[in-house]
Amino acid sequence: MNAIDLLATRANETRAAGHFDPESAELVPSPCISVCRMSPDRSHCEGCFRTLDEIRVWSRADASLRRGIWLQLLARAGIAPPSA
């Protein structure tokens, strides 16, 4: 499995647990798949597709912001958001 496949699987697991539900106040799990390496242009992590700013803010982010980061990184990775 490559990083995109692992990330898509993680997104689907996160959706299945209800974390993408806007009504959920539970903290959304990290998209980290333990492939922590910045892209050559340093625009994002090659594993989770988060930017450095998104990685920095993650631990202090509320559920809504975390869902927003998830949607941005999925778009960056070319992965369709998990359907409800």
N, C-alpha and C. Protein backbone atom coordinates (compact mmCIF):
# COMPACT_ATOMS: atom_id res chain seq x y z
N MET A 1 0.84 -1.19 0.00
CA MET A 1 0.00 0.00 0.00
C MET A 1 0.88 1.25 0.00
N ASN A 2 0.50 2.22 -0.82
CA ASN A 2 1.25 3.47 -0.82
C ASN A 2 0.61 4.45 0.16
N ALA A 3 1.24 5.62 0.34
CA ALA A 3 0.77 6.60 1.31
C ALA A 3 -0.66 7.06 1.02
N ILE A 4 -1.00 7.25 -0.24
CA ILE A 4 -2.35 7.71 -0.58
C ILE A 4 -3.39 6.66 -0.20
N ASP A 5 -3.09 5.40 -0.47
CA ASP A 5 -4.01 4.32 -0.08
C ASP A 5 -4.17 4.26 1.44
N LEU A 6 -3.06 4.39 2.16
CA LEU A 6 -3.12 4.37 3.63
C LEU A 6 -3.93 5.55 4.16
N LEU A 7 -3.72 6.71 3.57
CA LEU A 7 -4.45 7.91 4.00
C LEU A 7 -5.94 7.77 3.69
N ALA A 8 -6.29 7.24 2.53
CA ALA A 8 -7.70 7.03 2.18
C ALA A 8 -8.35 6.05 3.16
N THR A 9 -7.64 5.00 3.52
CA THR A 9 -8.15 4.04 4.49
C THR A 9 -8.36 4.71 5.84
N ARG A 10 -7.40 5.53 6.26
CA ARG A 10 -7.52 6.25 7.54
C ARG A 10 -8.72 7.19 7.50
N ALA A 11 -8.93 7.87 6.39
CA ALA A 11 -10.08 8.78 6.26
C ALA A 11 -11.39 8.01 6.37
N ASN A 12 -11.47 6.86 5.73
CA ASN A 12 -12.69 6.05 5.79
C ASN A 12 -12.95 5.52 7.20
N GLU A 13 -11.89 5.14 7.91
CA GLU A 13 -12.04 4.69 9.29
C GLU A 13 -12.51 5.84 10.18
N THR A 14 -11.96 7.02 9.93
CA THR A 14 -12.35 8.21 10.71
C THR A 14 -13.80 8.56 10.45
N ARG A 15 -14.24 8.47 9.19
CA ARG A 15 -15.64 8.72 8.85
C ARG A 15 -16.54 7.68 9.50
N ALA A 16 -16.15 6.41 9.43
CA ALA A 16 -16.96 5.33 9.99
C ALA A 16 -17.14 5.50 11.50
N ALA A 17 -16.17 6.08 12.17
CA ALA A 17 -16.27 6.32 13.61
C ALA A 17 -17.09 7.57 13.93
N GLY A 18 -17.56 8.26 12.88
CA GLY A 18 -18.42 9.43 13.08
C GLY A 18 -17.70 10.74 13.27
N HIS A 19 -16.39 10.76 13.09
CA HIS A 19 -15.62 11.97 13.36
C HIS A 19 -15.77 13.07 12.31
N PHE A 20 -16.29 12.75 11.14
CA PHE A 20 -16.51 13.79 10.13
C PHE A 20 -17.89 14.43 10.25
N ASP A 21 -18.69 13.93 11.18
CA ASP A 21 -20.02 14.49 11.42
C ASP A 21 -19.86 15.87 12.06
N PRO A 22 -20.37 16.92 11.42
CA PRO A 22 -20.23 18.28 11.97
C PRO A 22 -20.87 18.44 13.35
N GLU A 23 -21.79 17.56 13.69
CA GLU A 23 -22.45 17.63 15.01
C GLU A 23 -21.60 17.00 16.11
N SER A 24 -20.58 16.25 15.73
CA SER A 24 -19.74 15.57 16.71
C SER A 24 -18.77 16.56 17.35
N ALA A 25 -18.70 16.53 18.66
CA ALA A 25 -17.77 17.40 19.40
C ALA A 25 -16.49 16.64 19.77
N GLU A 26 -16.47 15.34 19.46
CA GLU A 26 -15.28 14.55 19.77
C GLU A 26 -14.09 15.02 18.93
N LEU A 27 -12.91 14.96 19.52
CA LEU A 27 -11.73 15.35 18.76
C LEU A 27 -11.51 14.38 17.60
N VAL A 28 -11.18 14.94 16.47
CA VAL A 28 -10.98 14.17 15.25
C VAL A 28 -9.56 13.60 15.28
N PRO A 29 -9.39 12.30 15.00
CA PRO A 29 -8.06 11.70 15.03
C PRO A 29 -7.13 12.29 13.96
N SER A 30 -5.88 12.22 14.27
CA SER A 30 -4.85 12.72 13.36
C SER A 30 -4.82 11.89 12.07
N PRO A 31 -4.51 12.54 10.95
CA PRO A 31 -4.36 11.80 9.69
C PRO A 31 -2.99 11.16 9.54
N CYS A 32 -2.12 11.31 10.54
CA CYS A 32 -0.76 10.77 10.45
C CYS A 32 -0.79 9.27 10.19
N ILE A 33 -0.01 8.84 9.21
CA ILE A 33 0.12 7.41 8.89
C ILE A 33 1.55 6.94 9.12
N SER A 34 2.33 7.73 9.88
CA SER A 34 3.72 7.43 10.23
C SER A 34 4.65 7.36 9.03
N VAL A 35 4.37 8.18 8.03
CA VAL A 35 5.28 8.40 6.91
C VAL A 35 5.60 9.90 6.98
N CYS A 36 6.45 10.25 7.92
CA CYS A 36 6.71 11.66 8.25
C CYS A 36 7.92 12.17 7.47
N ARG A 37 7.62 12.72 6.29
CA ARG A 37 8.67 13.19 5.39
C ARG A 37 8.07 14.31 4.57
N MET A 38 8.75 15.45 4.56
CA MET A 38 8.25 16.60 3.80
C MET A 38 8.54 16.39 2.31
N SER A 39 7.64 16.90 1.49
CA SER A 39 7.83 16.83 0.03
C SER A 39 9.07 17.64 -0.33
N PRO A 40 9.66 17.38 -1.50
CA PRO A 40 10.88 18.10 -1.89
C PRO A 40 10.72 19.63 -1.84
N ASP A 41 9.54 20.14 -2.17
CA ASP A 41 9.35 21.60 -2.12
C ASP A 41 8.88 22.07 -0.74
N ARG A 42 8.82 21.13 0.22
CA ARG A 42 8.43 21.41 1.61
C ARG A 42 7.02 21.98 1.74
N SER A 43 6.16 21.69 0.77
CA SER A 43 4.80 22.22 0.81
C SER A 43 3.88 21.39 1.71
N HIS A 44 4.20 20.10 1.91
CA HIS A 44 3.35 19.23 2.71
C HIS A 44 4.09 17.94 3.07
N CYS A 45 3.56 17.23 4.04
CA CYS A 45 4.09 15.92 4.42
C CYS A 45 3.70 14.91 3.34
N GLU A 46 4.61 14.04 2.97
CA GLU A 46 4.32 13.04 1.95
C GLU A 46 3.45 11.90 2.48
N GLY A 47 3.27 11.82 3.79
CA GLY A 47 2.42 10.78 4.36
C GLY A 47 0.99 11.25 4.56
N CYS A 48 0.83 12.33 5.33
CA CYS A 48 -0.52 12.79 5.67
C CYS A 48 -0.98 13.98 4.84
N PHE A 49 -0.11 14.54 4.04
CA PHE A 49 -0.43 15.66 3.15
C PHE A 49 -0.79 16.95 3.88
N ARG A 50 -0.48 17.03 5.18
CA ARG A 50 -0.67 18.29 5.88
C ARG A 50 0.50 19.22 5.63
N THR A 51 0.23 20.52 5.67
CA THR A 51 1.30 21.51 5.59
C THR A 51 1.96 21.62 6.96
N LEU A 52 3.11 22.28 7.02
CA LEU A 52 3.76 22.48 8.32
C LEU A 52 2.86 23.25 9.28
N ASP A 53 2.18 24.27 8.77
CA ASP A 53 1.26 25.04 9.62
C ASP A 53 0.13 24.16 10.15
N GLU A 54 -0.41 23.29 9.32
CA GLU A 54 -1.48 22.39 9.76
C GLU A 54 -0.98 21.41 10.81
N ILE A 55 0.24 20.93 10.64
CA ILE A 55 0.84 20.01 11.63
C ILE A 55 1.03 20.76 12.95
N ARG A 56 1.53 21.99 12.89
CA ARG A 56 1.78 22.77 14.10
C ARG A 56 0.50 23.05 14.88
N VAL A 57 -0.58 23.38 14.21
CA VAL A 57 -1.82 23.78 14.87
C VAL A 57 -2.66 22.58 15.33
N TRP A 58 -2.38 21.40 14.82
CA TRP A 58 -3.23 20.24 15.04
C TRP A 58 -3.54 19.98 16.52
N SER A 59 -2.55 19.98 17.38
CA SER A 59 -2.77 19.60 18.78
C SER A 59 -3.66 20.60 19.52
N ARG A 60 -3.76 21.83 19.04
CA ARG A 60 -4.60 22.84 19.68
C ARG A 60 -5.93 23.06 18.94
N ALA A 61 -6.12 22.38 17.83
CA ALA A 61 -7.30 22.59 16.99
C ALA A 61 -8.54 21.90 17.57
N ASP A 62 -9.69 22.59 17.43
CA ASP A 62 -10.93 21.96 17.85
C ASP A 62 -11.41 21.01 16.74
N ALA A 63 -12.52 20.33 17.00
CA ALA A 63 -13.02 19.32 16.05
C ALA A 63 -13.33 19.92 14.69
N SER A 64 -13.92 21.10 14.68
CA SER A 64 -14.29 21.74 13.41
C SER A 64 -13.05 22.06 12.56
N LEU A 65 -12.03 22.62 13.18
CA LEU A 65 -10.81 22.94 12.45
C LEU A 65 -10.12 21.66 11.96
N ARG A 66 -10.12 20.64 12.79
CA ARG A 66 -9.51 19.37 12.38
C ARG A 66 -10.24 18.77 11.17
N ARG A 67 -11.57 18.84 11.18
CA ARG A 67 -12.31 18.35 9.99
C ARG A 67 -11.93 19.16 8.76
N GLY A 68 -11.78 20.47 8.92
CA GLY A 68 -11.38 21.33 7.81
C GLY A 68 -10.00 20.97 7.28
N ILE A 69 -9.08 20.70 8.19
CA ILE A 69 -7.73 20.29 7.77
C ILE A 69 -7.81 18.96 7.02
N TRP A 70 -8.60 18.04 7.53
CA TRP A 70 -8.78 16.76 6.85
C TRP A 70 -9.25 16.98 5.41
N LEU A 71 -10.26 17.82 5.23
CA LEU A 71 -10.80 18.06 3.89
C LEU A 71 -9.74 18.67 2.98
N GLN A 72 -8.94 19.59 3.51
CA GLN A 72 -7.89 20.21 2.69
C GLN A 72 -6.81 19.20 2.31
N LEU A 73 -6.40 18.38 3.25
CA LEU A 73 -5.33 17.42 2.93
C LEU A 73 -5.81 16.35 1.98
N LEU A 74 -7.08 15.95 2.10
CA LEU A 74 -7.62 14.97 1.15
C LEU A 74 -7.64 15.55 -0.26
N ALA A 75 -8.02 16.81 -0.39
CA ALA A 75 -8.00 17.46 -1.69
C ALA A 75 -6.57 17.52 -2.23
N ARG A 76 -5.64 17.86 -1.37
CA ARG A 76 -4.23 17.94 -1.76
C ARG A 76 -3.72 16.59 -2.26
N ALA A 77 -4.20 15.52 -1.64
CA ALA A 77 -3.78 14.17 -2.00
C ALA A 77 -4.55 13.61 -3.18
N GLY A 78 -5.61 14.32 -3.60
CA GLY A 78 -6.43 13.83 -4.71
C GLY A 78 -7.38 12.72 -4.30
N ILE A 79 -7.76 12.72 -3.02
CA ILE A 79 -8.66 11.71 -2.48
C ILE A 79 -10.03 12.36 -2.25
N ALA A 80 -11.06 11.71 -2.75
CA ALA A 80 -12.42 12.23 -2.53
C ALA A 80 -12.75 12.13 -1.05
N PRO A 81 -13.43 13.14 -0.51
CA PRO A 81 -13.81 13.06 0.91
C PRO A 81 -14.70 11.85 1.14
N PRO A 82 -14.55 11.18 2.28
CA PRO A 82 -15.38 10.02 2.55
C PRO A 82 -16.85 10.40 2.59
N SER A 83 -17.68 9.60 1.98
CA SER A 83 -19.12 9.89 1.97
C SER A 83 -19.74 9.48 3.29
N ALA A 84 -20.82 10.12 3.61
CA ALA A 84 -21.50 9.86 4.89
C ALA A 84 -22.10 8.48 4.92
